[in-house]
Amino acid sequence: MIRRPPRSTLDRSSAASDVYKRQPLVDESISLLENNGFGNTHNIIEVPTVQKSSKLFEVYLDGIMRAGIRDDRIRDRTITAYVDLDQFLENLDIPSNETIYWFLIEKDTKNILTRGYGIIAEEDLDLINSF
């Protein structure tokens, strides 16, 4: 059995905080991709994952998160997924939710071509570009 750090609580401020604390990592990674032309050749989608809860809580949290995204371009490519976090992390073999994870998915499939974690680095660009 793999021990994982505690998951987000259902507390409103805690769930939003869990997502926002990793946002600088996401922003830096997306900027690197876009500055290197990947925005023209790849669909860049940000998918914050939050523990599934009541529909009312999800609507509330969506409002908070959307209000925090001022750029329409970024808002349009952000999809919040309300999931069973433990199952989600297990299915994707993600050891914790303490950093960001990125995936390159083959177009029109569910095939993961490559993956990584943390801020996307220059050497990751060559790997991504090789597909």
N, C-alpha and C. Protein backbone atom coordinates (compact mmCIF):
# COMPACT_ATOMS: atom_id res chain seq x y z
N MET A 1 0.84 -1.17 0.00
CA MET A 1 0.00 0.00 0.00
C MET A 1 0.89 1.24 0.00
N ILE A 2 0.55 2.21 -0.83
CA ILE A 2 1.29 3.46 -0.90
C ILE A 2 0.63 4.45 0.04
N ARG A 3 1.41 5.03 0.93
CA ARG A 3 0.87 6.07 1.82
C ARG A 3 0.97 7.39 1.10
N ARG A 4 -0.12 8.13 1.14
CA ARG A 4 -0.17 9.42 0.47
C ARG A 4 -0.42 10.51 1.49
N PRO A 5 -0.01 11.74 1.16
CA PRO A 5 -0.30 12.84 2.07
C PRO A 5 -1.81 13.06 2.17
N PRO A 6 -2.27 13.73 3.22
CA PRO A 6 -3.70 13.98 3.35
C PRO A 6 -4.25 14.73 2.16
N ARG A 7 -5.47 14.43 1.80
CA ARG A 7 -6.13 15.08 0.68
C ARG A 7 -6.79 16.38 1.11
N SER A 8 -7.27 17.10 0.12
CA SER A 8 -8.00 18.33 0.41
C SER A 8 -9.20 18.02 1.28
N THR A 9 -9.49 18.94 2.15
CA THR A 9 -10.70 18.80 2.95
C THR A 9 -11.86 19.36 2.16
N LEU A 10 -13.04 19.19 2.68
CA LEU A 10 -14.21 19.76 2.03
C LEU A 10 -14.42 21.21 2.43
N ASP A 11 -13.56 21.74 3.28
CA ASP A 11 -13.64 23.13 3.67
C ASP A 11 -13.43 24.00 2.44
N ARG A 12 -14.29 24.99 2.25
CA ARG A 12 -14.23 25.81 1.03
C ARG A 12 -12.90 26.48 0.85
N SER A 13 -12.41 27.15 1.87
CA SER A 13 -11.16 27.89 1.71
C SER A 13 -9.98 26.93 1.52
N SER A 14 -10.02 25.77 2.15
CA SER A 14 -8.94 24.81 2.03
C SER A 14 -8.87 24.23 0.62
N ALA A 15 -10.01 23.88 0.04
CA ALA A 15 -10.02 23.31 -1.32
C ALA A 15 -9.48 24.33 -2.32
N ALA A 16 -9.92 25.57 -2.22
CA ALA A 16 -9.43 26.60 -3.13
C ALA A 16 -7.95 26.84 -2.91
N SER A 17 -7.53 26.85 -1.67
CA SER A 17 -6.12 27.06 -1.33
C SER A 17 -5.25 25.95 -1.91
N ASP A 18 -5.72 24.71 -1.84
CA ASP A 18 -4.95 23.58 -2.37
C ASP A 18 -4.69 23.76 -3.86
N VAL A 19 -5.69 24.26 -4.59
CA VAL A 19 -5.53 24.47 -6.02
C VAL A 19 -4.60 25.65 -6.27
N TYR A 20 -4.83 26.76 -5.58
CA TYR A 20 -4.06 27.97 -5.82
C TYR A 20 -2.59 27.88 -5.42
N LYS A 21 -2.26 27.03 -4.45
CA LYS A 21 -0.86 26.96 -4.02
C LYS A 21 0.03 26.38 -5.11
N ARG A 22 -0.55 25.63 -6.04
CA ARG A 22 0.24 25.07 -7.16
C ARG A 22 0.14 25.93 -8.42
N GLN A 23 -0.68 26.97 -8.40
CA GLN A 23 -0.92 27.78 -9.60
C GLN A 23 0.36 28.38 -10.17
N PRO A 24 1.29 28.89 -9.37
CA PRO A 24 2.52 29.43 -9.97
C PRO A 24 3.29 28.39 -10.79
N LEU A 25 3.27 27.13 -10.37
CA LEU A 25 3.93 26.06 -11.13
C LEU A 25 3.25 25.88 -12.49
N VAL A 26 1.93 25.91 -12.46
CA VAL A 26 1.15 25.77 -13.70
C VAL A 26 1.43 26.94 -14.63
N ASP A 27 1.36 28.16 -14.08
CA ASP A 27 1.56 29.36 -14.89
C ASP A 27 2.95 29.37 -15.55
N GLU A 28 3.97 29.00 -14.79
CA GLU A 28 5.33 28.99 -15.34
C GLU A 28 5.46 27.94 -16.44
N SER A 29 4.86 26.78 -16.24
CA SER A 29 4.92 25.71 -17.25
C SER A 29 4.20 26.11 -18.53
N ILE A 30 3.01 26.67 -18.38
CA ILE A 30 2.24 27.08 -19.56
C ILE A 30 2.94 28.20 -20.30
N SER A 31 3.53 29.15 -19.56
CA SER A 31 4.27 30.23 -20.21
C SER A 31 5.43 29.68 -21.03
N LEU A 32 6.16 28.72 -20.48
CA LEU A 32 7.27 28.12 -21.21
C LEU A 32 6.76 27.44 -22.49
N LEU A 33 5.67 26.70 -22.38
CA LEU A 33 5.10 26.05 -23.56
C LEU A 33 4.69 27.08 -24.61
N GLU A 34 3.98 28.10 -24.19
CA GLU A 34 3.50 29.11 -25.13
C GLU A 34 4.65 29.92 -25.73
N ASN A 35 5.63 30.26 -24.93
CA ASN A 35 6.77 31.04 -25.44
C ASN A 35 7.61 30.25 -26.43
N ASN A 36 7.44 28.94 -26.43
CA ASN A 36 8.16 28.09 -27.38
C ASN A 36 7.27 27.56 -28.50
N GLY A 37 6.11 28.18 -28.68
CA GLY A 37 5.23 27.88 -29.80
C GLY A 37 4.33 26.68 -29.64
N PHE A 38 4.33 26.04 -28.48
CA PHE A 38 3.49 24.85 -28.31
C PHE A 38 2.00 25.18 -28.27
N GLY A 39 1.66 26.42 -27.96
CA GLY A 39 0.26 26.82 -27.98
C GLY A 39 -0.33 26.78 -29.38
N ASN A 40 0.54 26.86 -30.41
CA ASN A 40 0.09 26.80 -31.80
C ASN A 40 -0.04 25.37 -32.31
N THR A 41 0.65 24.43 -31.67
CA THR A 41 0.68 23.05 -32.18
C THR A 41 0.02 22.04 -31.24
N HIS A 42 -0.25 22.43 -30.01
CA HIS A 42 -0.82 21.52 -29.02
C HIS A 42 -1.98 22.21 -28.30
N ASN A 43 -2.94 21.42 -27.86
CA ASN A 43 -4.00 21.95 -27.00
C ASN A 43 -3.49 21.92 -25.57
N ILE A 44 -3.34 23.07 -24.97
CA ILE A 44 -2.87 23.16 -23.59
C ILE A 44 -4.10 23.34 -22.72
N ILE A 45 -4.36 22.35 -21.87
CA ILE A 45 -5.54 22.37 -21.02
C ILE A 45 -5.10 22.21 -19.58
N GLU A 46 -5.57 23.11 -18.73
CA GLU A 46 -5.27 23.04 -17.30
C GLU A 46 -6.46 22.38 -16.61
N VAL A 47 -6.20 21.34 -15.82
CA VAL A 47 -7.27 20.60 -15.16
C VAL A 47 -7.00 20.51 -13.66
N PRO A 48 -7.42 21.54 -12.90
CA PRO A 48 -7.30 21.40 -11.45
C PRO A 48 -8.26 20.31 -10.96
N THR A 49 -7.80 19.47 -10.07
CA THR A 49 -8.65 18.40 -9.53
C THR A 49 -8.98 18.70 -8.08
N VAL A 50 -10.26 18.53 -7.76
CA VAL A 50 -10.77 18.82 -6.42
C VAL A 50 -11.60 17.62 -5.98
N GLN A 51 -11.52 17.29 -4.70
CA GLN A 51 -12.31 16.19 -4.16
C GLN A 51 -13.79 16.42 -4.43
N LYS A 52 -14.45 15.41 -4.97
CA LYS A 52 -15.88 15.48 -5.27
C LYS A 52 -16.64 15.80 -3.99
N SER A 53 -17.65 16.64 -4.13
CA SER A 53 -18.42 17.10 -2.99
C SER A 53 -19.86 17.32 -3.42
N SER A 54 -20.57 18.15 -2.71
CA SER A 54 -21.95 18.47 -3.08
C SER A 54 -21.94 19.38 -4.30
N LYS A 55 -22.99 19.32 -5.08
CA LYS A 55 -23.10 20.16 -6.27
C LYS A 55 -23.05 21.64 -5.88
N LEU A 56 -23.70 21.99 -4.77
CA LEU A 56 -23.71 23.38 -4.32
C LEU A 56 -22.28 23.86 -4.03
N PHE A 57 -21.48 23.03 -3.35
CA PHE A 57 -20.10 23.39 -3.06
C PHE A 57 -19.30 23.53 -4.35
N GLU A 58 -19.52 22.64 -5.31
CA GLU A 58 -18.79 22.69 -6.57
C GLU A 58 -19.11 23.97 -7.34
N VAL A 59 -20.38 24.37 -7.35
CA VAL A 59 -20.78 25.61 -8.02
C VAL A 59 -20.13 26.80 -7.33
N TYR A 60 -20.15 26.77 -6.01
CA TYR A 60 -19.53 27.84 -5.22
C TYR A 60 -18.03 27.94 -5.53
N LEU A 61 -17.34 26.82 -5.49
CA LEU A 61 -15.91 26.81 -5.74
C LEU A 61 -15.59 27.21 -7.18
N ASP A 62 -16.41 26.77 -8.14
CA ASP A 62 -16.22 27.19 -9.53
C ASP A 62 -16.25 28.71 -9.63
N GLY A 63 -17.20 29.32 -8.93
CA GLY A 63 -17.31 30.78 -8.96
C GLY A 63 -16.06 31.45 -8.42
N ILE A 64 -15.55 30.94 -7.32
CA ILE A 64 -14.34 31.51 -6.73
C ILE A 64 -13.15 31.34 -7.68
N MET A 65 -13.02 30.14 -8.23
CA MET A 65 -11.87 29.87 -9.10
C MET A 65 -11.96 30.66 -10.40
N ARG A 66 -13.15 30.74 -10.99
CA ARG A 66 -13.32 31.50 -12.23
C ARG A 66 -13.06 32.98 -12.01
N ALA A 67 -13.50 33.50 -10.86
CA ALA A 67 -13.27 34.91 -10.56
C ALA A 67 -11.78 35.21 -10.45
N GLY A 68 -11.01 34.22 -10.06
CA GLY A 68 -9.56 34.41 -9.93
C GLY A 68 -8.81 34.33 -11.24
N ILE A 69 -9.48 33.90 -12.30
CA ILE A 69 -8.84 33.81 -13.62
C ILE A 69 -9.32 34.99 -14.45
N ARG A 70 -8.52 36.01 -14.54
CA ARG A 70 -8.91 37.26 -15.22
C ARG A 70 -8.79 37.15 -16.75
N ASP A 71 -7.86 36.34 -17.21
CA ASP A 71 -7.58 36.22 -18.64
C ASP A 71 -8.55 35.22 -19.27
N ASP A 72 -9.38 35.69 -20.21
CA ASP A 72 -10.37 34.83 -20.86
C ASP A 72 -9.72 33.63 -21.56
N ARG A 73 -8.56 33.84 -22.13
CA ARG A 73 -7.85 32.77 -22.84
C ARG A 73 -7.52 31.63 -21.87
N ILE A 74 -7.06 31.99 -20.69
CA ILE A 74 -6.73 30.98 -19.68
C ILE A 74 -8.00 30.35 -19.13
N ARG A 75 -9.01 31.17 -18.89
CA ARG A 75 -10.28 30.65 -18.37
C ARG A 75 -10.88 29.62 -19.35
N ASP A 76 -10.77 29.88 -20.63
CA ASP A 76 -11.36 28.98 -21.64
C ASP A 76 -10.66 27.63 -21.70
N ARG A 77 -9.42 27.54 -21.26
CA ARG A 77 -8.71 26.27 -21.34
C ARG A 77 -8.59 25.58 -19.98
N THR A 78 -9.34 26.07 -18.99
CA THR A 78 -9.30 25.49 -17.66
C THR A 78 -10.57 24.70 -17.39
N ILE A 79 -10.41 23.45 -17.01
CA ILE A 79 -11.53 22.56 -16.71
C ILE A 79 -11.32 22.01 -15.30
N THR A 80 -12.19 22.38 -14.37
CA THR A 80 -12.07 21.85 -13.01
C THR A 80 -12.74 20.49 -12.96
N ALA A 81 -12.01 19.50 -12.47
CA ALA A 81 -12.54 18.14 -12.37
C ALA A 81 -12.81 17.82 -10.90
N TYR A 82 -14.06 17.55 -10.59
CA TYR A 82 -14.44 17.13 -9.24
C TYR A 82 -14.48 15.61 -9.26
N VAL A 83 -13.53 15.00 -8.58
CA VAL A 83 -13.32 13.56 -8.67
C VAL A 83 -13.07 12.95 -7.30
N ASP A 84 -13.11 11.65 -7.24
CA ASP A 84 -12.62 10.94 -6.07
C ASP A 84 -11.10 11.01 -6.20
N LEU A 85 -10.47 11.90 -5.43
CA LEU A 85 -9.04 12.16 -5.60
C LEU A 85 -8.18 10.92 -5.42
N ASP A 86 -8.48 10.12 -4.42
CA ASP A 86 -7.66 8.92 -4.21
C ASP A 86 -7.70 8.01 -5.43
N GLN A 87 -8.88 7.79 -5.98
CA GLN A 87 -9.02 6.93 -7.16
C GLN A 87 -8.34 7.55 -8.37
N PHE A 88 -8.50 8.85 -8.54
CA PHE A 88 -7.89 9.57 -9.66
C PHE A 88 -6.36 9.44 -9.62
N LEU A 89 -5.79 9.71 -8.45
CA LEU A 89 -4.34 9.63 -8.32
C LEU A 89 -3.84 8.20 -8.53
N GLU A 90 -4.59 7.24 -8.02
CA GLU A 90 -4.22 5.84 -8.21
C GLU A 90 -4.28 5.44 -9.68
N ASN A 91 -5.37 5.84 -10.37
CA ASN A 91 -5.53 5.47 -11.78
C ASN A 91 -4.41 6.03 -12.66
N LEU A 92 -3.93 7.22 -12.31
CA LEU A 92 -2.87 7.85 -13.12
C LEU A 92 -1.49 7.64 -12.52
N ASP A 93 -1.40 6.81 -11.49
CA ASP A 93 -0.13 6.50 -10.84
C ASP A 93 0.59 7.77 -10.40
N ILE A 94 -0.17 8.66 -9.75
CA ILE A 94 0.37 9.91 -9.23
C ILE A 94 0.57 9.72 -7.72
N PRO A 95 1.80 9.84 -7.24
CA PRO A 95 2.07 9.54 -5.84
C PRO A 95 1.53 10.56 -4.83
N SER A 96 1.35 11.82 -5.23
CA SER A 96 0.80 12.82 -4.31
C SER A 96 0.26 13.99 -5.13
N ASN A 97 -0.46 14.86 -4.45
CA ASN A 97 -0.96 16.05 -5.13
C ASN A 97 -0.24 17.30 -4.63
N GLU A 98 1.01 17.12 -4.22
CA GLU A 98 1.79 18.25 -3.69
C GLU A 98 2.46 19.07 -4.79
N THR A 99 2.48 18.57 -6.01
CA THR A 99 3.05 19.33 -7.13
C THR A 99 2.12 19.13 -8.32
N ILE A 100 2.48 19.69 -9.44
CA ILE A 100 1.66 19.50 -10.64
C ILE A 100 2.21 18.32 -11.44
N TYR A 101 1.34 17.71 -12.19
CA TYR A 101 1.69 16.62 -13.10
C TYR A 101 1.21 17.01 -14.48
N TRP A 102 2.00 16.72 -15.48
CA TRP A 102 1.60 17.04 -16.85
C TRP A 102 1.67 15.79 -17.71
N PHE A 103 0.80 15.77 -18.71
CA PHE A 103 0.67 14.62 -19.59
C PHE A 103 0.57 15.09 -21.03
N LEU A 104 1.20 14.35 -21.92
CA LEU A 104 1.02 14.55 -23.36
C LEU A 104 0.17 13.38 -23.83
N ILE A 105 -1.03 13.71 -24.30
CA ILE A 105 -2.01 12.70 -24.72
C ILE A 105 -2.08 12.68 -26.24
N GLU A 106 -2.07 11.49 -26.80
CA GLU A 106 -2.20 11.35 -28.25
C GLU A 106 -3.56 11.86 -28.69
N LYS A 107 -3.57 12.63 -29.77
CA LYS A 107 -4.81 13.24 -30.27
C LYS A 107 -5.87 12.18 -30.54
N ASP A 108 -7.08 12.49 -30.12
CA ASP A 108 -8.27 11.64 -30.34
C ASP A 108 -8.17 10.27 -29.67
N THR A 109 -7.33 10.14 -28.65
CA THR A 109 -7.21 8.87 -27.93
C THR A 109 -7.11 9.16 -26.43
N LYS A 110 -6.95 8.11 -25.67
CA LYS A 110 -6.67 8.22 -24.23
C LYS A 110 -5.23 7.82 -23.94
N ASN A 111 -4.42 7.63 -24.97
CA ASN A 111 -3.05 7.17 -24.82
C ASN A 111 -2.13 8.26 -24.28
N ILE A 112 -1.49 7.99 -23.16
CA ILE A 112 -0.51 8.92 -22.60
C ILE A 112 0.82 8.65 -23.29
N LEU A 113 1.31 9.64 -24.06
CA LEU A 113 2.57 9.48 -24.79
C LEU A 113 3.76 9.70 -23.86
N THR A 114 3.66 10.69 -23.02
CA THR A 114 4.70 10.95 -22.02
C THR A 114 4.08 11.76 -20.89
N ARG A 115 4.81 11.84 -19.79
CA ARG A 115 4.30 12.54 -18.62
C ARG A 115 5.47 13.07 -17.81
N GLY A 116 5.17 13.98 -16.91
CA GLY A 116 6.20 14.52 -16.04
C GLY A 116 5.55 15.19 -14.85
N TYR A 117 6.36 15.73 -13.98
CA TYR A 117 5.82 16.42 -12.82
C TYR A 117 6.68 17.63 -12.50
N GLY A 118 6.09 18.56 -11.77
CA GLY A 118 6.78 19.81 -11.47
C GLY A 118 6.74 20.73 -12.68
N ILE A 119 7.45 21.82 -12.57
CA ILE A 119 7.49 22.80 -13.65
C ILE A 119 8.11 22.15 -14.89
N ILE A 120 7.48 22.37 -16.04
CA ILE A 120 8.04 21.86 -17.29
C ILE A 120 9.35 22.59 -17.54
N ALA A 121 10.40 21.83 -17.85
CA ALA A 121 11.74 22.39 -18.06
C ALA A 121 12.08 22.37 -19.55
N GLU A 122 13.14 23.08 -19.89
CA GLU A 122 13.59 23.15 -21.29
C GLU A 122 13.80 21.76 -21.89
N GLU A 123 14.40 20.83 -21.11
CA GLU A 123 14.64 19.49 -21.64
C GLU A 123 13.34 18.73 -21.89
N ASP A 124 12.28 19.08 -21.15
CA ASP A 124 10.97 18.46 -21.38
C ASP A 124 10.41 18.90 -22.73
N LEU A 125 10.73 20.10 -23.16
CA LEU A 125 10.24 20.60 -24.46
C LEU A 125 10.73 19.72 -25.60
N ASP A 126 11.99 19.31 -25.54
CA ASP A 126 12.53 18.43 -26.58
C ASP A 126 11.80 17.09 -26.58
N LEU A 127 11.52 16.56 -25.40
CA LEU A 127 10.79 15.29 -25.29
C LEU A 127 9.39 15.45 -25.88
N ILE A 128 8.69 16.49 -25.49
CA ILE A 128 7.33 16.74 -26.00
C ILE A 128 7.36 16.90 -27.52
N ASN A 129 8.32 17.63 -27.99
CA ASN A 129 8.42 17.91 -29.43
C ASN A 129 8.78 16.67 -30.24
N SER A 130 9.31 15.63 -29.59
CA SER A 130 9.72 14.44 -30.32
C SER A 130 8.54 13.58 -30.77
N PHE A 131 7.35 13.88 -30.27
CA PHE A 131 6.17 13.08 -30.64
C PHE A 131 5.44 13.69 -31.81
